[in-house]
Amino acid sequence: MDMMVFASLVILAIVIVFAYNGLKNKQKNDSILRQRAVLNSSEQITFTRLKELLPEANVLAHVSFDALLTTKYSHTRRKYQKMFANFVILDKDYRVIAVVALDDPNLVKRSSAATYQYALLEMATYRVVRYIGVPEYQQLRDDFLMESSQLQSTDAEYPPIFGKLDLYHDGVAKTRVFG
């Protein structure tokens, strides 16, 4: 009987040592860091076409929704904090003309998430232009023909997509003197 208890304790000790070594080896190590392309091939083509079509505009890639949206409640902010827009087009005064979204035609699962993301932007009165795959040059020209003429105009009027922000702009533009 004593031999059985002793054998059981030895086997238990061996199992504990193997389990400890197994868990110790599963600790996460950092992997080697490598460079990667900032834009994939469809984003590179779209970026080039947007820059050719709108030479006066600033085209930004992979813009965080946190840079585009704001709210006073942190629980609302957490809903969009990790989301990114493919491209944001700014005029010469750095006002957003439109947000360009590229949807992958092969990923059906992400379409509902993409719809939610861009519904958030539309609720904030941004103009969202969505394309499935790489947009054709003529399609981009048709969608941004009005914005191109606005970029080249000399007047500093807000594009019509800003709606409620016109009131804000008028209030900010007034000079205040404190004395």
N, C-alpha and C. Protein backbone atom coordinates (compact mmCIF):
# COMPACT_ATOMS: atom_id res chain seq x y z
N MET A 1 0.82 -1.19 0.00
CA MET A 1 0.00 0.00 0.00
C MET A 1 0.86 1.25 0.00
N ASP A 2 1.96 1.22 0.84
CA ASP A 2 2.86 2.37 0.86
C ASP A 2 3.53 2.55 -0.48
N MET A 3 3.82 1.45 -1.15
CA MET A 3 4.44 1.51 -2.46
C MET A 3 3.50 2.16 -3.48
N MET A 4 2.18 1.89 -3.37
CA MET A 4 1.19 2.47 -4.28
C MET A 4 1.09 3.99 -4.07
N VAL A 5 1.11 4.43 -2.84
CA VAL A 5 1.03 5.85 -2.53
C VAL A 5 2.29 6.54 -3.04
N PHE A 6 3.43 5.91 -2.80
CA PHE A 6 4.69 6.49 -3.26
C PHE A 6 4.73 6.57 -4.79
N ALA A 7 4.30 5.54 -5.49
CA ALA A 7 4.27 5.52 -6.95
C ALA A 7 3.30 6.58 -7.47
N SER A 8 2.15 6.72 -6.80
CA SER A 8 1.17 7.74 -7.21
C SER A 8 1.73 9.14 -7.05
N LEU A 9 2.46 9.37 -5.95
CA LEU A 9 3.06 10.69 -5.73
C LEU A 9 4.15 10.99 -6.76
N VAL A 10 4.93 9.98 -7.12
CA VAL A 10 5.97 10.16 -8.14
C VAL A 10 5.33 10.46 -9.49
N ILE A 11 4.30 9.74 -9.85
CA ILE A 11 3.61 9.97 -11.13
C ILE A 11 2.97 11.36 -11.12
N LEU A 12 2.36 11.73 -10.01
CA LEU A 12 1.75 13.06 -9.90
C LEU A 12 2.81 14.15 -10.02
N ALA A 13 3.96 13.97 -9.42
CA ALA A 13 5.05 14.95 -9.51
C ALA A 13 5.54 15.07 -10.95
N ILE A 14 5.67 13.95 -11.65
CA ILE A 14 6.11 13.97 -13.06
C ILE A 14 5.08 14.70 -13.92
N VAL A 15 3.80 14.44 -13.69
CA VAL A 15 2.75 15.11 -14.46
C VAL A 15 2.78 16.62 -14.19
N ILE A 16 2.96 17.02 -12.96
CA ILE A 16 3.02 18.44 -12.62
C ILE A 16 4.22 19.11 -13.28
N VAL A 17 5.38 18.44 -13.29
CA VAL A 17 6.57 19.00 -13.93
C VAL A 17 6.34 19.18 -15.42
N PHE A 18 5.77 18.16 -16.09
CA PHE A 18 5.48 18.28 -17.53
C PHE A 18 4.46 19.38 -17.81
N ALA A 19 3.43 19.48 -16.98
CA ALA A 19 2.42 20.53 -17.17
C ALA A 19 3.03 21.91 -16.99
N TYR A 20 3.88 22.06 -15.98
CA TYR A 20 4.53 23.34 -15.74
C TYR A 20 5.43 23.73 -16.91
N ASN A 21 6.23 22.78 -17.40
CA ASN A 21 7.09 23.05 -18.55
C ASN A 21 6.28 23.37 -19.80
N GLY A 22 5.16 22.69 -19.98
CA GLY A 22 4.31 22.97 -21.14
C GLY A 22 3.72 24.36 -21.09
N LEU A 23 3.26 24.78 -19.91
CA LEU A 23 2.70 26.11 -19.77
C LEU A 23 3.78 27.19 -19.89
N LYS A 24 4.98 26.89 -19.39
CA LYS A 24 6.08 27.85 -19.46
C LYS A 24 6.49 28.09 -20.91
N ASN A 25 6.44 27.05 -21.74
CA ASN A 25 6.83 27.18 -23.14
C ASN A 25 5.76 27.90 -23.97
N LYS A 26 4.53 27.95 -23.48
CA LYS A 26 3.46 28.60 -24.25
C LYS A 26 3.37 30.09 -24.01
N GLN A 27 4.31 30.65 -23.25
CA GLN A 27 4.31 32.09 -23.06
C GLN A 27 4.53 32.75 -24.41
N LYS A 28 3.82 33.85 -24.64
CA LYS A 28 3.89 34.51 -25.93
C LYS A 28 5.19 35.28 -26.07
N ASN A 29 5.86 35.03 -27.16
CA ASN A 29 7.06 35.77 -27.50
C ASN A 29 6.75 36.72 -28.63
N ASP A 30 7.46 37.81 -28.69
CA ASP A 30 7.27 38.74 -29.79
C ASP A 30 7.82 38.13 -31.06
N SER A 31 7.13 38.35 -32.14
CA SER A 31 7.61 37.87 -33.43
C SER A 31 8.47 38.95 -34.08
N ILE A 32 9.13 38.57 -35.12
CA ILE A 32 9.98 39.50 -35.85
C ILE A 32 9.10 40.52 -36.58
N LEU A 33 9.46 41.79 -36.47
CA LEU A 33 8.71 42.84 -37.16
C LEU A 33 9.22 42.98 -38.59
N ARG A 34 8.27 43.13 -39.50
CA ARG A 34 8.61 43.30 -40.90
C ARG A 34 7.82 44.47 -41.47
N GLN A 35 8.33 45.05 -42.53
CA GLN A 35 7.61 46.13 -43.21
C GLN A 35 6.45 45.53 -43.99
N ARG A 36 5.43 46.35 -44.18
CA ARG A 36 4.33 45.94 -45.03
C ARG A 36 3.86 47.15 -45.82
N ALA A 37 3.17 46.91 -46.89
CA ALA A 37 2.68 48.00 -47.72
C ALA A 37 1.58 48.76 -46.98
N VAL A 38 1.59 50.06 -47.10
CA VAL A 38 0.58 50.88 -46.44
C VAL A 38 -0.77 50.69 -47.12
N LEU A 39 -0.76 50.61 -48.43
CA LEU A 39 -1.98 50.43 -49.21
C LEU A 39 -1.90 49.13 -50.00
N ASN A 40 -3.02 48.42 -50.08
CA ASN A 40 -3.03 47.24 -50.95
C ASN A 40 -3.18 47.69 -52.40
N SER A 41 -3.17 46.76 -53.33
CA SER A 41 -3.14 47.13 -54.74
C SER A 41 -4.39 47.90 -55.18
N SER A 42 -5.56 47.50 -54.72
CA SER A 42 -6.78 48.24 -55.12
C SER A 42 -6.79 49.64 -54.50
N GLU A 43 -6.29 49.77 -53.28
CA GLU A 43 -6.21 51.09 -52.66
C GLU A 43 -5.18 51.97 -53.36
N GLN A 44 -4.08 51.38 -53.83
CA GLN A 44 -3.08 52.16 -54.56
C GLN A 44 -3.65 52.71 -55.86
N ILE A 45 -4.38 51.89 -56.57
CA ILE A 45 -4.98 52.34 -57.84
C ILE A 45 -6.01 53.44 -57.56
N THR A 46 -6.85 53.24 -56.56
CA THR A 46 -7.87 54.24 -56.23
C THR A 46 -7.22 55.54 -55.79
N PHE A 47 -6.18 55.46 -54.96
CA PHE A 47 -5.48 56.65 -54.50
C PHE A 47 -4.90 57.43 -55.68
N THR A 48 -4.27 56.73 -56.60
CA THR A 48 -3.69 57.38 -57.78
C THR A 48 -4.76 58.04 -58.62
N ARG A 49 -5.88 57.37 -58.81
CA ARG A 49 -6.96 57.95 -59.62
C ARG A 49 -7.57 59.17 -58.93
N LEU A 50 -7.72 59.11 -57.62
CA LEU A 50 -8.26 60.27 -56.90
C LEU A 50 -7.32 61.46 -57.00
N LYS A 51 -6.02 61.23 -56.85
CA LYS A 51 -5.04 62.32 -56.95
C LYS A 51 -5.01 62.92 -58.35
N GLU A 52 -5.15 62.09 -59.38
CA GLU A 52 -5.18 62.61 -60.76
C GLU A 52 -6.44 63.42 -61.01
N LEU A 53 -7.55 62.93 -60.50
CA LEU A 53 -8.83 63.59 -60.73
C LEU A 53 -8.96 64.89 -59.93
N LEU A 54 -8.44 64.89 -58.70
CA LEU A 54 -8.56 66.04 -57.81
C LEU A 54 -7.17 66.51 -57.39
N PRO A 55 -6.45 67.17 -58.28
CA PRO A 55 -5.07 67.56 -57.94
C PRO A 55 -4.98 68.61 -56.84
N GLU A 56 -6.02 69.41 -56.66
CA GLU A 56 -6.01 70.44 -55.62
C GLU A 56 -6.42 69.89 -54.26
N ALA A 57 -6.96 68.69 -54.24
CA ALA A 57 -7.46 68.12 -52.99
C ALA A 57 -6.35 67.38 -52.25
N ASN A 58 -6.55 67.24 -50.97
CA ASN A 58 -5.69 66.39 -50.15
C ASN A 58 -6.42 65.08 -49.94
N VAL A 59 -5.79 64.00 -50.34
CA VAL A 59 -6.39 62.68 -50.19
C VAL A 59 -5.66 61.97 -49.07
N LEU A 60 -6.39 61.63 -48.02
CA LEU A 60 -5.82 60.93 -46.88
C LEU A 60 -6.28 59.48 -46.90
N ALA A 61 -5.39 58.57 -46.52
CA ALA A 61 -5.72 57.15 -46.51
C ALA A 61 -5.76 56.63 -45.09
N HIS A 62 -6.65 55.67 -44.85
CA HIS A 62 -6.78 54.99 -43.56
C HIS A 62 -6.95 55.98 -42.40
N VAL A 63 -7.99 56.76 -42.48
CA VAL A 63 -8.25 57.77 -41.46
C VAL A 63 -9.16 57.17 -40.39
N SER A 64 -8.76 57.35 -39.15
CA SER A 64 -9.53 56.83 -38.02
C SER A 64 -10.86 57.58 -37.90
N PHE A 65 -11.91 56.83 -37.57
CA PHE A 65 -13.20 57.48 -37.32
C PHE A 65 -13.10 58.41 -36.13
N ASP A 66 -12.17 58.13 -35.23
CA ASP A 66 -11.97 58.99 -34.08
C ASP A 66 -11.52 60.39 -34.50
N ALA A 67 -10.84 60.49 -35.65
CA ALA A 67 -10.44 61.80 -36.17
C ALA A 67 -11.59 62.50 -36.87
N LEU A 68 -12.59 61.75 -37.30
CA LEU A 68 -13.71 62.32 -38.05
C LEU A 68 -14.93 62.60 -37.19
N LEU A 69 -15.11 61.85 -36.12
CA LEU A 69 -16.31 61.94 -35.30
C LEU A 69 -15.96 62.30 -33.87
N THR A 70 -16.90 62.91 -33.20
CA THR A 70 -16.73 63.19 -31.78
C THR A 70 -18.09 63.07 -31.09
N THR A 71 -18.03 62.78 -29.83
CA THR A 71 -19.23 62.69 -29.02
C THR A 71 -18.83 62.97 -27.58
N LYS A 72 -19.80 63.35 -26.77
CA LYS A 72 -19.44 63.66 -25.39
C LYS A 72 -19.49 62.43 -24.49
N TYR A 73 -20.03 61.32 -24.97
CA TYR A 73 -20.12 60.10 -24.16
C TYR A 73 -19.08 59.09 -24.60
N SER A 74 -18.34 58.57 -23.65
CA SER A 74 -17.27 57.61 -23.98
C SER A 74 -17.84 56.28 -24.44
N HIS A 75 -19.02 55.87 -23.96
CA HIS A 75 -19.58 54.60 -24.42
C HIS A 75 -19.99 54.67 -25.89
N THR A 76 -20.35 55.84 -26.36
CA THR A 76 -20.64 56.01 -27.78
C THR A 76 -19.35 56.03 -28.58
N ARG A 77 -18.33 56.66 -28.06
CA ARG A 77 -17.03 56.74 -28.74
C ARG A 77 -16.43 55.34 -28.93
N ARG A 78 -16.62 54.46 -27.96
CA ARG A 78 -16.07 53.11 -28.06
C ARG A 78 -16.65 52.33 -29.23
N LYS A 79 -17.82 52.71 -29.71
CA LYS A 79 -18.45 52.00 -30.82
C LYS A 79 -17.71 52.21 -32.13
N TYR A 80 -17.05 53.35 -32.28
CA TYR A 80 -16.36 53.63 -33.55
C TYR A 80 -14.87 53.83 -33.39
N GLN A 81 -14.33 53.63 -32.22
CA GLN A 81 -12.95 53.97 -31.93
C GLN A 81 -11.94 53.19 -32.77
N LYS A 82 -12.23 51.96 -33.12
CA LYS A 82 -11.29 51.14 -33.87
C LYS A 82 -11.63 51.04 -35.36
N MET A 83 -12.49 51.92 -35.84
CA MET A 83 -12.88 51.90 -37.24
C MET A 83 -12.05 52.90 -38.04
N PHE A 84 -11.83 52.57 -39.32
CA PHE A 84 -11.04 53.41 -40.21
C PHE A 84 -11.76 53.58 -41.53
N ALA A 85 -11.65 54.78 -42.11
CA ALA A 85 -12.17 55.06 -43.45
C ALA A 85 -11.03 54.82 -44.44
N ASN A 86 -11.36 54.27 -45.61
CA ASN A 86 -10.32 54.02 -46.61
C ASN A 86 -9.66 55.31 -47.07
N PHE A 87 -10.47 56.28 -47.51
CA PHE A 87 -9.93 57.56 -47.97
C PHE A 87 -10.83 58.69 -47.51
N VAL A 88 -10.20 59.81 -47.20
CA VAL A 88 -10.94 61.04 -46.89
C VAL A 88 -10.38 62.11 -47.81
N ILE A 89 -11.27 62.80 -48.50
CA ILE A 89 -10.87 63.84 -49.44
C ILE A 89 -11.14 65.19 -48.79
N LEU A 90 -10.09 66.00 -48.71
CA LEU A 90 -10.16 67.33 -48.12
C LEU A 90 -9.98 68.39 -49.19
N ASP A 91 -10.65 69.53 -49.04
CA ASP A 91 -10.42 70.62 -49.98
C ASP A 91 -9.17 71.39 -49.55
N LYS A 92 -8.89 72.48 -50.22
CA LYS A 92 -7.65 73.22 -49.95
C LYS A 92 -7.66 73.86 -48.57
N ASP A 93 -8.85 74.01 -47.96
CA ASP A 93 -8.95 74.56 -46.61
C ASP A 93 -9.09 73.46 -45.56
N TYR A 94 -8.81 72.24 -45.95
CA TYR A 94 -8.82 71.07 -45.07
C TYR A 94 -10.20 70.75 -44.50
N ARG A 95 -11.23 71.00 -45.27
CA ARG A 95 -12.57 70.58 -44.91
C ARG A 95 -12.88 69.31 -45.67
N VAL A 96 -13.61 68.41 -45.04
CA VAL A 96 -13.91 67.12 -45.65
C VAL A 96 -14.93 67.30 -46.76
N ILE A 97 -14.55 66.86 -47.95
CA ILE A 97 -15.48 66.85 -49.08
C ILE A 97 -16.27 65.56 -49.08
N ALA A 98 -15.56 64.44 -48.95
CA ALA A 98 -16.23 63.14 -48.97
C ALA A 98 -15.34 62.10 -48.33
N VAL A 99 -15.98 61.02 -47.92
CA VAL A 99 -15.29 59.84 -47.42
C VAL A 99 -15.50 58.75 -48.46
N VAL A 100 -14.42 58.17 -48.94
CA VAL A 100 -14.50 57.13 -49.97
C VAL A 100 -14.29 55.78 -49.31
N ALA A 101 -15.23 54.87 -49.54
CA ALA A 101 -15.17 53.53 -48.96
C ALA A 101 -15.00 52.51 -50.08
N LEU A 102 -14.04 51.63 -49.91
CA LEU A 102 -13.83 50.54 -50.85
C LEU A 102 -14.27 49.24 -50.19
N ASP A 103 -15.29 48.62 -50.74
CA ASP A 103 -15.76 47.35 -50.22
C ASP A 103 -15.19 46.23 -51.08
N ASP A 104 -14.76 45.17 -50.43
CA ASP A 104 -14.22 44.02 -51.13
C ASP A 104 -15.38 43.17 -51.63
N PRO A 105 -15.44 42.91 -52.94
CA PRO A 105 -16.57 42.12 -53.46
C PRO A 105 -16.56 40.68 -52.97
N ASN A 106 -15.44 40.18 -52.48
CA ASN A 106 -15.33 38.79 -52.05
C ASN A 106 -15.79 38.58 -50.61
N LEU A 107 -15.89 39.63 -49.83
CA LEU A 107 -16.24 39.49 -48.42
C LEU A 107 -17.69 39.91 -48.18
N VAL A 108 -18.58 38.94 -48.17
CA VAL A 108 -19.99 39.22 -47.93
C VAL A 108 -20.22 39.48 -46.45
N LYS A 109 -19.45 38.83 -45.59
CA LYS A 109 -19.63 38.95 -44.14
C LYS A 109 -19.40 40.38 -43.65
N ARG A 110 -18.45 41.07 -44.23
CA ARG A 110 -18.12 42.42 -43.77
C ARG A 110 -19.08 43.48 -44.28
N SER A 111 -19.96 43.14 -45.19
CA SER A 111 -20.83 44.16 -45.76
C SER A 111 -21.74 44.79 -44.72
N SER A 112 -22.23 44.01 -43.76
CA SER A 112 -23.09 44.60 -42.73
C SER A 112 -22.28 45.50 -41.80
N ALA A 113 -21.04 45.11 -41.50
CA ALA A 113 -20.18 45.95 -40.67
C ALA A 113 -19.83 47.23 -41.40
N ALA A 114 -19.54 47.12 -42.70
CA ALA A 114 -19.23 48.31 -43.50
C ALA A 114 -20.43 49.23 -43.59
N THR A 115 -21.61 48.66 -43.75
CA THR A 115 -22.83 49.47 -43.80
C THR A 115 -23.02 50.23 -42.49
N TYR A 116 -22.77 49.58 -41.37
CA TYR A 116 -22.87 50.23 -40.07
C TYR A 116 -21.85 51.36 -39.94
N GLN A 117 -20.61 51.10 -40.35
CA GLN A 117 -19.56 52.10 -40.23
C GLN A 117 -19.89 53.35 -41.02
N TYR A 118 -20.34 53.18 -42.23
CA TYR A 118 -20.59 54.34 -43.06
C TYR A 118 -21.94 54.99 -42.76
N ALA A 119 -22.82 54.26 -42.10
CA ALA A 119 -24.05 54.90 -41.60
C ALA A 119 -23.70 55.88 -40.48
N LEU A 120 -22.70 55.53 -39.68
CA LEU A 120 -22.24 56.45 -38.63
C LEU A 120 -21.75 57.76 -39.25
N LEU A 121 -20.97 57.65 -40.32
CA LEU A 121 -20.45 58.86 -40.97
C LEU A 121 -21.56 59.68 -41.59
N GLU A 122 -22.53 59.01 -42.18
CA GLU A 122 -23.65 59.74 -42.79
C GLU A 122 -24.50 60.42 -41.72
N MET A 123 -24.60 59.82 -40.54
CA MET A 123 -25.32 60.47 -39.44
C MET A 123 -24.61 61.75 -39.01
N ALA A 124 -23.31 61.78 -39.18
CA ALA A 124 -22.53 62.98 -38.84
C ALA A 124 -22.46 63.94 -40.02
N THR A 125 -23.28 63.74 -41.02
CA THR A 125 -23.45 64.58 -42.22
C THR A 125 -22.25 64.56 -43.15
N TYR A 126 -21.44 63.51 -43.12
CA TYR A 126 -20.39 63.36 -44.12
C TYR A 126 -20.98 62.73 -45.37
N ARG A 127 -20.45 63.09 -46.50
CA ARG A 127 -20.84 62.45 -47.75
C ARG A 127 -19.98 61.21 -47.90
N VAL A 128 -20.61 60.05 -47.97
CA VAL A 128 -19.89 58.78 -48.09
C VAL A 128 -20.14 58.22 -49.49
N VAL A 129 -19.06 57.94 -50.21
CA VAL A 129 -19.15 57.36 -51.54
C VAL A 129 -18.55 55.96 -51.45
N ARG A 130 -19.38 54.95 -51.69
CA ARG A 130 -18.93 53.56 -51.57
C ARG A 130 -18.74 52.93 -52.94
N TYR A 131 -17.67 52.17 -53.06
CA TYR A 131 -17.38 51.44 -54.29
C TYR A 131 -17.12 49.99 -53.94
N ILE A 132 -17.58 49.10 -54.79
CA ILE A 132 -17.25 47.69 -54.63
C ILE A 132 -16.07 47.42 -55.55
N GLY A 133 -14.93 47.11 -54.96
CA GLY A 133 -13.71 46.93 -55.74
C GLY A 133 -13.12 48.27 -56.13
N VAL A 134 -12.28 48.25 -57.15
CA VAL A 134 -11.60 49.46 -57.61
C VAL A 134 -12.56 50.25 -58.51
N PRO A 135 -12.81 51.52 -58.18
CA PRO A 135 -13.71 52.31 -59.02
C PRO A 135 -13.03 52.70 -60.34
N GLU A 136 -13.81 52.73 -61.38
CA GLU A 136 -13.30 53.16 -62.69
C GLU A 136 -13.06 54.67 -62.66
N TYR A 137 -12.15 55.12 -63.49
CA TYR A 137 -11.79 56.53 -63.55
C TYR A 137 -13.01 57.39 -63.89
N GLN A 138 -13.81 56.93 -64.85
CA GLN A 138 -14.99 57.68 -65.26
C GLN A 138 -16.02 57.75 -64.14
N GLN A 139 -16.15 56.69 -63.37
CA GLN A 139 -17.07 56.68 -62.25
C GLN A 139 -16.64 57.70 -61.18
N LEU A 140 -15.34 57.75 -60.90
CA LEU A 140 -14.83 58.74 -59.96
C LEU A 140 -15.06 60.15 -60.48
N ARG A 141 -14.85 60.35 -61.78
CA ARG A 141 -15.06 61.67 -62.40
C ARG A 141 -16.52 62.10 -62.24
N ASP A 142 -17.44 61.17 -62.49
CA ASP A 142 -18.86 61.50 -62.35
C ASP A 142 -19.23 61.83 -60.91
N ASP A 143 -18.67 61.09 -59.97
CA ASP A 143 -19.02 61.30 -58.56
C ASP A 143 -18.41 62.56 -57.97
N PHE A 144 -17.23 62.96 -58.49
CA PHE A 144 -16.53 64.10 -57.90
C PHE A 144 -16.41 65.29 -58.83
N LEU A 145 -17.21 65.35 -59.88
CA LEU A 145 -17.17 66.48 -60.81
C LEU A 145 -17.54 67.77 -60.10
N MET A 146 -18.58 67.75 -59.27
CA MET A 146 -19.00 68.95 -58.55
C MET A 146 -17.93 69.39 -57.56
N GLU A 147 -17.30 68.42 -56.85
CA GLU A 147 -16.29 68.77 -55.87
C GLU A 147 -15.06 69.37 -56.55
N SER A 148 -14.72 68.89 -57.73
CA SER A 148 -13.56 69.41 -58.44
C SER A 148 -13.75 70.88 -58.78
N SER A 149 -14.96 71.24 -59.20
CA SER A 149 -15.21 72.65 -59.51
C SER A 149 -15.21 73.49 -58.22
N GLN A 150 -15.62 72.91 -57.10
CA GLN A 150 -15.59 73.63 -55.83
C GLN A 150 -14.17 73.87 -55.37
N LEU A 151 -13.29 72.91 -55.63
CA LEU A 151 -11.90 73.05 -55.22
C LEU A 151 -11.20 74.18 -55.97
N GLN A 152 -11.59 74.37 -57.23
CA GLN A 152 -10.92 75.37 -58.05
C GLN A 152 -11.55 76.75 -57.90
N SER A 153 -12.71 76.82 -57.26
CA SER A 153 -13.34 78.13 -57.09
C SER A 153 -12.61 78.90 -56.00
N THR A 154 -12.70 80.20 -56.06
CA THR A 154 -11.96 81.04 -55.12
C THR A 154 -12.77 81.38 -53.88
N ASP A 155 -14.09 81.24 -53.94
CA ASP A 155 -14.88 81.58 -52.77
C ASP A 155 -14.74 80.48 -51.72
N ALA A 156 -14.87 80.88 -50.46
CA ALA A 156 -14.65 79.96 -49.34
C ALA A 156 -15.98 79.45 -48.78
N GLU A 157 -16.92 79.15 -49.65
CA GLU A 157 -18.20 78.64 -49.21
C GLU A 157 -18.06 77.18 -48.82
N TYR A 158 -18.84 76.77 -47.83
CA TYR A 158 -18.86 75.37 -47.45
C TYR A 158 -19.63 74.59 -48.49
N PRO A 159 -19.23 73.35 -48.78
CA PRO A 159 -20.02 72.53 -49.67
C PRO A 159 -21.38 72.24 -49.03
N PRO A 160 -22.38 71.94 -49.84
CA PRO A 160 -23.72 71.77 -49.30
C PRO A 160 -23.86 70.59 -48.35
N ILE A 161 -22.86 69.71 -48.25
CA ILE A 161 -22.99 68.54 -47.38
C ILE A 161 -22.86 68.90 -45.91
N PHE A 162 -22.50 70.12 -45.56
CA PHE A 162 -22.24 70.44 -44.18
C PHE A 162 -23.50 70.80 -43.40
N GLY A 163 -24.56 71.21 -44.04
CA GLY A 163 -25.84 71.44 -43.39
C GLY A 163 -25.77 72.26 -42.13
N LYS A 164 -25.91 71.61 -40.97
CA LYS A 164 -25.96 72.29 -39.67
C LYS A 164 -24.66 72.99 -39.33
N LEU A 165 -23.56 72.58 -39.91
CA LEU A 165 -22.28 73.17 -39.57
C LEU A 165 -22.12 74.58 -40.11
N ASP A 166 -22.97 74.98 -41.05
CA ASP A 166 -22.93 76.36 -41.54
C ASP A 166 -23.16 77.33 -40.40
N LEU A 167 -24.08 76.99 -39.51
CA LEU A 167 -24.36 77.86 -38.37
C LEU A 167 -23.13 77.95 -37.47
N TYR A 168 -22.45 76.83 -37.28
CA TYR A 168 -21.23 76.82 -36.47
C TYR A 168 -20.15 77.67 -37.11
N HIS A 169 -19.99 77.54 -38.43
CA HIS A 169 -18.96 78.30 -39.14
C HIS A 169 -19.21 79.79 -39.01
N ASP A 170 -20.49 80.21 -39.12
CA ASP A 170 -20.81 81.63 -39.00
C ASP A 170 -20.47 82.15 -37.60
N GLY A 171 -20.71 81.32 -36.58
CA GLY A 171 -20.42 81.74 -35.22
C GLY A 171 -18.93 81.81 -34.95
N VAL A 172 -18.16 80.91 -35.51
CA VAL A 172 -16.72 80.89 -35.29
C VAL A 172 -16.04 82.03 -36.05
N ALA A 173 -16.59 82.39 -37.19
CA ALA A 173 -15.96 83.40 -38.03
C ALA A 173 -16.01 84.80 -37.43
N LYS A 174 -16.93 85.03 -36.49
CA LYS A 174 -17.03 86.35 -35.88
C LYS A 174 -15.83 86.60 -34.98
N THR A 175 -15.32 87.79 -35.04
CA THR A 175 -14.19 88.16 -34.21
C THR A 175 -14.71 88.60 -32.85
N ARG A 176 -14.08 88.06 -31.81
CA ARG A 176 -14.49 88.43 -30.47
C ARG A 176 -13.38 89.22 -29.82
N VAL A 177 -13.76 90.30 -29.18
CA VAL A 177 -12.80 91.12 -28.48
C VAL A 177 -13.17 91.15 -27.02
N PHE A 178 -12.22 90.76 -26.20
CA PHE A 178 -12.45 90.78 -24.76
C PHE A 178 -11.67 91.95 -24.18
N GLY A 179 -12.27 92.68 -23.29
CA GLY A 179 -11.56 93.82 -22.77
C GLY A 179 -11.75 94.02 -21.37
